[in-house]
Amino acid sequence: MIAELIIPIETLRGQLRKDGYYFRMYKGKQIVQRCPSRKGHVKTEAEQANQERFIEKYRKRKPTDARL
């Protein structure tokens, strides 16, 4: 759905409320879209493997206590 905003607001990005809709710009137009629902989604083996690789590569480790 294309949204027409009032004058003081030029663009919106993201969710305003937790009502299931978000705003974005697409080809110079303001778009309102329903948020995708992942309820009931079961990860495939490939998705699980990708997530584990990502965690291993990018996870933040807690700093060790240097006072000991």
PDB file of N, CA and C in Angstrom:
ATOM      1  N   MET A   1       0.851  -1.156   0.000  1.00  0.00           N
ATOM      2  CA  MET A   1       0.000   0.000   0.000  1.00  0.00           C
ATOM      3  C   MET A   1       0.905   1.230   0.000  1.00  0.00           C
ATOM      4  N   ILE A   2       0.637   2.191  -0.839  1.00  0.00           N
ATOM      5  CA  ILE A   2       1.403   3.439  -0.889  1.00  0.00           C
ATOM      6  C   ILE A   2       0.787   4.400   0.114  1.00  0.00           C
ATOM      7  N   ALA A   3       1.634   4.992   0.954  1.00  0.00           N
ATOM      8  CA  ALA A   3       1.163   5.901   1.999  1.00  0.00           C
ATOM      9  C   ALA A   3       1.489   7.338   1.616  1.00  0.00           C
ATOM     10  N   GLU A   4       0.572   8.248   1.852  1.00  0.00           N
ATOM     11  CA  GLU A   4       0.817   9.673   1.650  1.00  0.00           C
ATOM     12  C   GLU A   4       0.934  10.309   3.021  1.00  0.00           C
ATOM     13  N   LEU A   5       2.105  10.898   3.293  1.00  0.00           N
ATOM     14  CA  LEU A   5       2.375  11.468   4.611  1.00  0.00           C
ATOM     15  C   LEU A   5       2.028  12.948   4.640  1.00  0.00           C
ATOM     16  N   ILE A   6       1.768  13.453   5.844  1.00  0.00           N
ATOM     17  CA  ILE A   6       1.500  14.876   5.989  1.00  0.00           C
ATOM     18  C   ILE A   6       2.809  15.652   5.846  1.00  0.00           C
ATOM     19  N   ILE A   7       2.738  16.935   5.595  1.00  0.00           N
ATOM     20  CA  ILE A   7       3.874  17.772   5.226  1.00  0.00           C
ATOM     21  C   ILE A   7       5.074  17.693   6.184  1.00  0.00           C
ATOM     22  N   PRO A   8       4.943  17.819   7.502  1.00  0.00           N
ATOM     23  CA  PRO A   8       6.170  17.835   8.321  1.00  0.00           C
ATOM     24  C   PRO A   8       6.935  16.513   8.316  1.00  0.00           C
ATOM     25  N   ILE A   9       6.280  15.418   7.951  1.00  0.00           N
ATOM     26  CA  ILE A   9       6.947  14.109   7.945  1.00  0.00           C
ATOM     27  C   ILE A   9       7.247  13.748   6.497  1.00  0.00           C
ATOM     28  N   GLU A  10       8.545  13.655   6.188  1.00  0.00           N
ATOM     29  CA  GLU A  10       8.926  13.340   4.815  1.00  0.00           C
ATOM     30  C   GLU A  10       8.944  11.834   4.559  1.00  0.00           C
ATOM     31  N   THR A  11       9.604  11.082   5.452  1.00  0.00           N
ATOM     32  CA  THR A  11       9.671   9.638   5.281  1.00  0.00           C
ATOM     33  C   THR A  11       9.605   8.940   6.639  1.00  0.00           C
ATOM     34  N   LEU A  12       9.218   7.695   6.612  1.00  0.00           N
ATOM     35  CA  LEU A  12       9.216   6.833   7.792  1.00  0.00           C
ATOM     36  C   LEU A  12       9.941   5.546   7.435  1.00  0.00           C
ATOM     37  N   ARG A  13      10.640   4.981   8.435  1.00  0.00           N
ATOM     38  CA  ARG A  13      11.286   3.680   8.256  1.00  0.00           C
ATOM     39  C   ARG A  13      11.066   2.851   9.504  1.00  0.00           C
ATOM     40  N   GLY A  14      10.703   1.588   9.331  1.00  0.00           N
ATOM     41  CA  GLY A  14      10.535   0.694  10.464  1.00  0.00           C
ATOM     42  C   GLY A  14       9.122   0.679  11.003  1.00  0.00           C
ATOM     43  N   GLN A  15       8.973   0.113  12.200  1.00  0.00           N
ATOM     44  CA  GLN A  15       7.659  -0.002  12.828  1.00  0.00           C
ATOM     45  C   GLN A  15       7.405   1.188  13.745  1.00  0.00           C
ATOM     46  N   LEU A  16       6.177   1.675  13.759  1.00  0.00           N
ATOM     47  CA  LEU A  16       5.793   2.705  14.717  1.00  0.00           C
ATOM     48  C   LEU A  16       5.214   2.071  15.967  1.00  0.00           C
ATOM     49  N   ARG A  17       4.423   1.045  15.792  1.00  0.00           N
ATOM     50  CA  ARG A  17       3.804   0.303  16.895  1.00  0.00           C
ATOM     51  C   ARG A  17       3.962  -1.173  16.605  1.00  0.00           C
ATOM     52  N   LYS A  18       3.606  -1.977  17.538  1.00  0.00           N
ATOM     53  CA  LYS A  18       3.641  -3.426  17.334  1.00  0.00           C
ATOM     54  C   LYS A  18       2.295  -3.895  16.788  1.00  0.00           C
ATOM     55  N   ASP A  19       1.838  -3.251  15.710  1.00  0.00           N
ATOM     56  CA  ASP A  19       0.538  -3.585  15.143  1.00  0.00           C
ATOM     57  C   ASP A  19       0.638  -4.474  13.901  1.00  0.00           C
ATOM     58  N   GLY A  20       1.870  -4.913  13.566  1.00  0.00           N
ATOM     59  CA  GLY A  20       2.017  -5.821  12.441  1.00  0.00           C
ATOM     60  C   GLY A  20       2.310  -5.153  11.111  1.00  0.00           C
ATOM     61  N   TYR A  21       2.606  -3.843  11.105  1.00  0.00           N
ATOM     62  CA  TYR A  21       2.930  -3.133   9.877  1.00  0.00           C
ATOM     63  C   TYR A  21       4.239  -2.382  10.037  1.00  0.00           C
ATOM     64  N   TYR A  22       4.967  -2.196   8.911  1.00  0.00           N
ATOM     65  CA  TYR A  22       6.174  -1.383   8.933  1.00  0.00           C
ATOM     66  C   TYR A  22       6.208  -0.489   7.700  1.00  0.00           C
ATOM     67  N   PHE A  23       7.014   0.562   7.782  1.00  0.00           N
ATOM     68  CA  PHE A  23       7.117   1.565   6.728  1.00  0.00           C
ATOM     69  C   PHE A  23       8.489   1.480   6.085  1.00  0.00           C
ATOM     70  N   ARG A  24       8.542   1.720   4.759  1.00  0.00           N
ATOM     71  CA  ARG A  24       9.819   1.772   4.061  1.00  0.00           C
ATOM     72  C   ARG A  24       9.667   2.595   2.793  1.00  0.00           C
ATOM     73  N   MET A  25      10.806   2.986   2.223  1.00  0.00           N
ATOM     74  CA  MET A  25      10.807   3.695   0.950  1.00  0.00           C
ATOM     75  C   MET A  25      11.120   2.697  -0.153  1.00  0.00           C
ATOM     76  N   TYR A  26      10.440   2.800  -1.279  1.00  0.00           N
ATOM     77  CA  TYR A  26      10.699   1.945  -2.424  1.00  0.00           C
ATOM     78  C   TYR A  26      10.538   2.782  -3.679  1.00  0.00           C
ATOM     79  N   LYS A  27      11.639   2.949  -4.403  1.00  0.00           N
ATOM     80  CA  LYS A  27      11.653   3.731  -5.647  1.00  0.00           C
ATOM     81  C   LYS A  27      11.047   5.112  -5.445  1.00  0.00           C
ATOM     82  N   GLY A  28      11.410   5.754  -4.324  1.00  0.00           N
ATOM     83  CA  GLY A  28      10.955   7.115  -4.058  1.00  0.00           C
ATOM     84  C   GLY A  28       9.551   7.233  -3.501  1.00  0.00           C
ATOM     85  N   LYS A  29       8.892   6.131  -3.235  1.00  0.00           N
ATOM     86  CA  LYS A  29       7.541   6.156  -2.680  1.00  0.00           C
ATOM     87  C   LYS A  29       7.541   5.536  -1.293  1.00  0.00           C
ATOM     88  N   GLN A  30       6.696   6.080  -0.442  1.00  0.00           N
ATOM     89  CA  GLN A  30       6.545   5.562   0.916  1.00  0.00           C
ATOM     90  C   GLN A  30       5.603   4.366   0.874  1.00  0.00           C
ATOM     91  N   ILE A  31       6.062   3.224   1.397  1.00  0.00           N
ATOM     92  CA  ILE A  31       5.294   1.987   1.354  1.00  0.00           C
ATOM     93  C   ILE A  31       4.980   1.527   2.776  1.00  0.00           C
ATOM     94  N   VAL A  32       3.770   1.015   2.985  1.00  0.00           N
ATOM     95  CA  VAL A  32       3.372   0.386   4.244  1.00  0.00           C
ATOM     96  C   VAL A  32       3.153  -1.082   3.941  1.00  0.00           C
ATOM     97  N   GLN A  33       3.822  -1.959   4.716  1.00  0.00           N
ATOM     98  CA  GLN A  33       3.680  -3.391   4.482  1.00  0.00           C
ATOM     99  C   GLN A  33       3.404  -4.123   5.775  1.00  0.00           C
ATOM    100  N   ARG A  34       2.747  -5.247   5.643  1.00  0.00           N
ATOM    101  CA  ARG A  34       2.513  -6.112   6.802  1.00  0.00           C
ATOM    102  C   ARG A  34       3.820  -6.833   7.121  1.00  0.00           C
ATOM    103  N   CYS A  35       4.130  -6.947   8.402  1.00  0.00           N
ATOM    104  CA  CYS A  35       5.332  -7.649   8.837  1.00  0.00           C
ATOM    105  C   CYS A  35       5.184  -9.139   8.555  1.00  0.00           C
ATOM    106  N   PRO A  36       6.262  -9.777   8.106  1.00  0.00           N
ATOM    107  CA  PRO A  36       6.168 -11.217   7.870  1.00  0.00           C
ATOM    108  C   PRO A  36       5.995 -11.975   9.178  1.00  0.00           C
ATOM    109  N   SER A  37       5.241 -13.028   9.133  1.00  0.00           N
ATOM    110  CA  SER A  37       5.006 -13.844  10.319  1.00  0.00           C
ATOM    111  C   SER A  37       5.857 -15.104  10.243  1.00  0.00           C
ATOM    112  N   ARG A  38       6.734 -15.301  11.234  1.00  0.00           N
ATOM    113  CA  ARG A  38       7.563 -16.499  11.293  1.00  0.00           C
ATOM    114  C   ARG A  38       6.996 -17.490  12.309  1.00  0.00           C
ATOM    115  N   LYS A  39       5.773 -17.247  12.736  1.00  0.00           N
ATOM    116  CA  LYS A  39       5.138 -18.106  13.728  1.00  0.00           C
ATOM    117  C   LYS A  39       4.957 -19.505  13.145  1.00  0.00           C
ATOM    118  N   GLY A  40       5.428 -20.485  13.871  1.00  0.00           N
ATOM    119  CA  GLY A  40       5.290 -21.856  13.410  1.00  0.00           C
ATOM    120  C   GLY A  40       6.360 -22.289  12.423  1.00  0.00           C
ATOM    121  N   HIS A  41       7.336 -21.401  12.121  1.00  0.00           N
ATOM    122  CA  HIS A  41       8.382 -21.753  11.169  1.00  0.00           C
ATOM    123  C   HIS A  41       9.341 -22.760  11.797  1.00  0.00           C
ATOM    124  N   VAL A  42       9.675 -23.788  11.066  1.00  0.00           N
ATOM    125  CA  VAL A  42      10.645 -24.785  11.517  1.00  0.00           C
ATOM    126  C   VAL A  42      11.878 -24.631  10.634  1.00  0.00           C
ATOM    127  N   LYS A  43      13.046 -24.441  11.262  1.00  0.00           N
ATOM    128  CA  LYS A  43      14.284 -24.249  10.508  1.00  0.00           C
ATOM    129  C   LYS A  43      14.662 -25.517   9.750  1.00  0.00           C
ATOM    130  N   THR A  44      15.134 -25.312   8.523  1.00  0.00           N
ATOM    131  CA  THR A  44      15.677 -26.439   7.767  1.00  0.00           C
ATOM    132  C   THR A  44      17.084 -26.715   8.270  1.00  0.00           C
ATOM    133  N   GLU A  45      17.649 -27.818   7.842  1.00  0.00           N
ATOM    134  CA  GLU A  45      19.017 -28.150   8.244  1.00  0.00           C
ATOM    135  C   GLU A  45      19.991 -27.080   7.759  1.00  0.00           C
ATOM    136  N   ALA A  46      19.775 -26.564   6.547  1.00  0.00           N
ATOM    137  CA  ALA A  46      20.660 -25.536   5.991  1.00  0.00           C
ATOM    138  C   ALA A  46      20.558 -24.245   6.803  1.00  0.00           C
ATOM    139  N   GLU A  47      19.345 -23.851   7.194  1.00  0.00           N
ATOM    140  CA  GLU A  47      19.176 -22.645   8.016  1.00  0.00           C
ATOM    141  C   GLU A  47      19.881 -22.799   9.358  1.00  0.00           C
ATOM    142  N   GLN A  48      19.740 -23.948   9.972  1.00  0.00           N
ATOM    143  CA  GLN A  48      20.375 -24.198  11.265  1.00  0.00           C
ATOM    144  C   GLN A  48      21.896 -24.155  11.138  1.00  0.00           C
ATOM    145  N   ALA A  49      22.429 -24.769  10.089  1.00  0.00           N
ATOM    146  CA  ALA A  49      23.880 -24.767   9.873  1.00  0.00           C
ATOM    147  C   ALA A  49      24.387 -23.352   9.630  1.00  0.00           C
ATOM    148  N   ASN A  50      23.652 -22.556   8.847  1.00  0.00           N
ATOM    149  CA  ASN A  50      24.050 -21.166   8.600  1.00  0.00           C
ATOM    150  C   ASN A  50      24.054 -20.366   9.888  1.00  0.00           C
ATOM    151  N   GLN A  51      23.047 -20.559  10.720  1.00  0.00           N
ATOM    152  CA  GLN A  51      22.972 -19.830  11.980  1.00  0.00           C
ATOM    153  C   GLN A  51      24.143 -20.201  12.892  1.00  0.00           C
ATOM    154  N   GLU A  52      24.473 -21.473  12.953  1.00  0.00           N
ATOM    155  CA  GLU A  52      25.591 -21.899  13.793  1.00  0.00           C
ATOM    156  C   GLU A  52      26.914 -21.338  13.294  1.00  0.00           C
ATOM    157  N   ARG A  53      27.123 -21.327  11.957  1.00  0.00           N
ATOM    158  CA  ARG A  53      28.347 -20.726  11.395  1.00  0.00           C
ATOM    159  C   ARG A  53      28.427 -19.242  11.711  1.00  0.00           C
ATOM    160  N   PHE A  54      27.305 -18.544  11.588  1.00  0.00           N
ATOM    161  CA  PHE A  54      27.266 -17.111  11.875  1.00  0.00           C
ATOM    162  C   PHE A  54      27.622 -16.850  13.333  1.00  0.00           C
ATOM    163  N   ILE A  55      27.042 -17.607  14.244  1.00  0.00           N
ATOM    164  CA  ILE A  55      27.308 -17.435  15.670  1.00  0.00           C
ATOM    165  C   ILE A  55      28.776 -17.675  15.971  1.00  0.00           C
ATOM    166  N   GLU A  56      29.327 -18.728  15.403  1.00  0.00           N
ATOM    167  CA  GLU A  56      30.733 -19.053  15.657  1.00  0.00           C
ATOM    168  C   GLU A  56      31.657 -17.943  15.150  1.00  0.00           C
ATOM    169  N   LYS A  57      31.309 -17.344  14.027  1.00  0.00           N
ATOM    170  CA  LYS A  57      32.171 -16.314  13.437  1.00  0.00           C
ATOM    171  C   LYS A  57      32.026 -14.961  14.125  1.00  0.00           C
ATOM    172  N   TYR A  58      30.811 -14.562  14.479  1.00  0.00           N
ATOM    173  CA  TYR A  58      30.559 -13.194  14.918  1.00  0.00           C
ATOM    174  C   TYR A  58      30.186 -13.021  16.383  1.00  0.00           C
ATOM    175  N   ARG A  59      30.081 -14.083  17.152  1.00  0.00           N
ATOM    176  CA  ARG A  59      29.648 -13.910  18.535  1.00  0.00           C
ATOM    177  C   ARG A  59      30.667 -13.094  19.326  1.00  0.00           C
ATOM    178  N   LYS A  60      30.160 -12.352  20.275  1.00  0.00           N
ATOM    179  CA  LYS A  60      30.998 -11.544  21.161  1.00  0.00           C
ATOM    180  C   LYS A  60      31.363 -12.400  22.364  1.00  0.00           C
ATOM    181  N   ARG A  61      32.601 -12.417  22.673  1.00  0.00           N
ATOM    182  CA  ARG A  61      33.052 -13.170  23.843  1.00  0.00           C
ATOM    183  C   ARG A  61      33.208 -12.211  25.012  1.00  0.00           C
ATOM    184  N   LYS A  62      32.865 -12.693  26.193  1.00  0.00           N
ATOM    185  CA  LYS A  62      33.025 -11.868  27.386  1.00  0.00           C
ATOM    186  C   LYS A  62      34.514 -11.696  27.678  1.00  0.00           C
ATOM    187  N   PRO A  63      34.928 -10.477  28.016  1.00  0.00           N
ATOM    188  CA  PRO A  63      36.344 -10.283  28.334  1.00  0.00           C
ATOM    189  C   PRO A  63      36.706 -11.033  29.611  1.00  0.00           C
ATOM    190  N   THR A  64      37.899 -11.571  29.642  1.00  0.00           N
ATOM    191  CA  THR A  64      38.350 -12.279  30.850  1.00  0.00           C
ATOM    192  C   THR A  64      38.709 -11.244  31.913  1.00  0.00           C
ATOM    193  N   ASP A  65      38.534 -11.598  33.151  1.00  0.00           N
ATOM    194  CA  ASP A  65      38.814 -10.678  34.243  1.00  0.00           C
ATOM    195  C   ASP A  65      40.327 -10.597  34.449  1.00  0.00           C
ATOM    196  N   ALA A  66      40.921  -9.429  34.157  1.00  0.00           N
ATOM    197  CA  ALA A  66      42.372  -9.251  34.216  1.00  0.00           C
ATOM    198  C   ALA A  66      42.865  -9.108  35.651  1.00  0.00           C
ATOM    199  N   ARG A  67      41.976  -8.930  36.613  1.00  0.00           N
ATOM    200  CA  ARG A  67      42.385  -8.727  37.995  1.00  0.00           C
ATOM    201  C   ARG A  67      42.815 -10.017  38.683  1.00  0.00           C
ATOM    202  N   LEU A  68      42.489 -11.160  38.149  1.00  0.00           N
ATOM    203  CA  LEU A  68      42.790 -12.433  38.812  1.00  0.00           C
ATOM    204  C   LEU A  68      44.228 -12.782  38.725  1.00  0.00           C
TER     205      LEU A  68
END
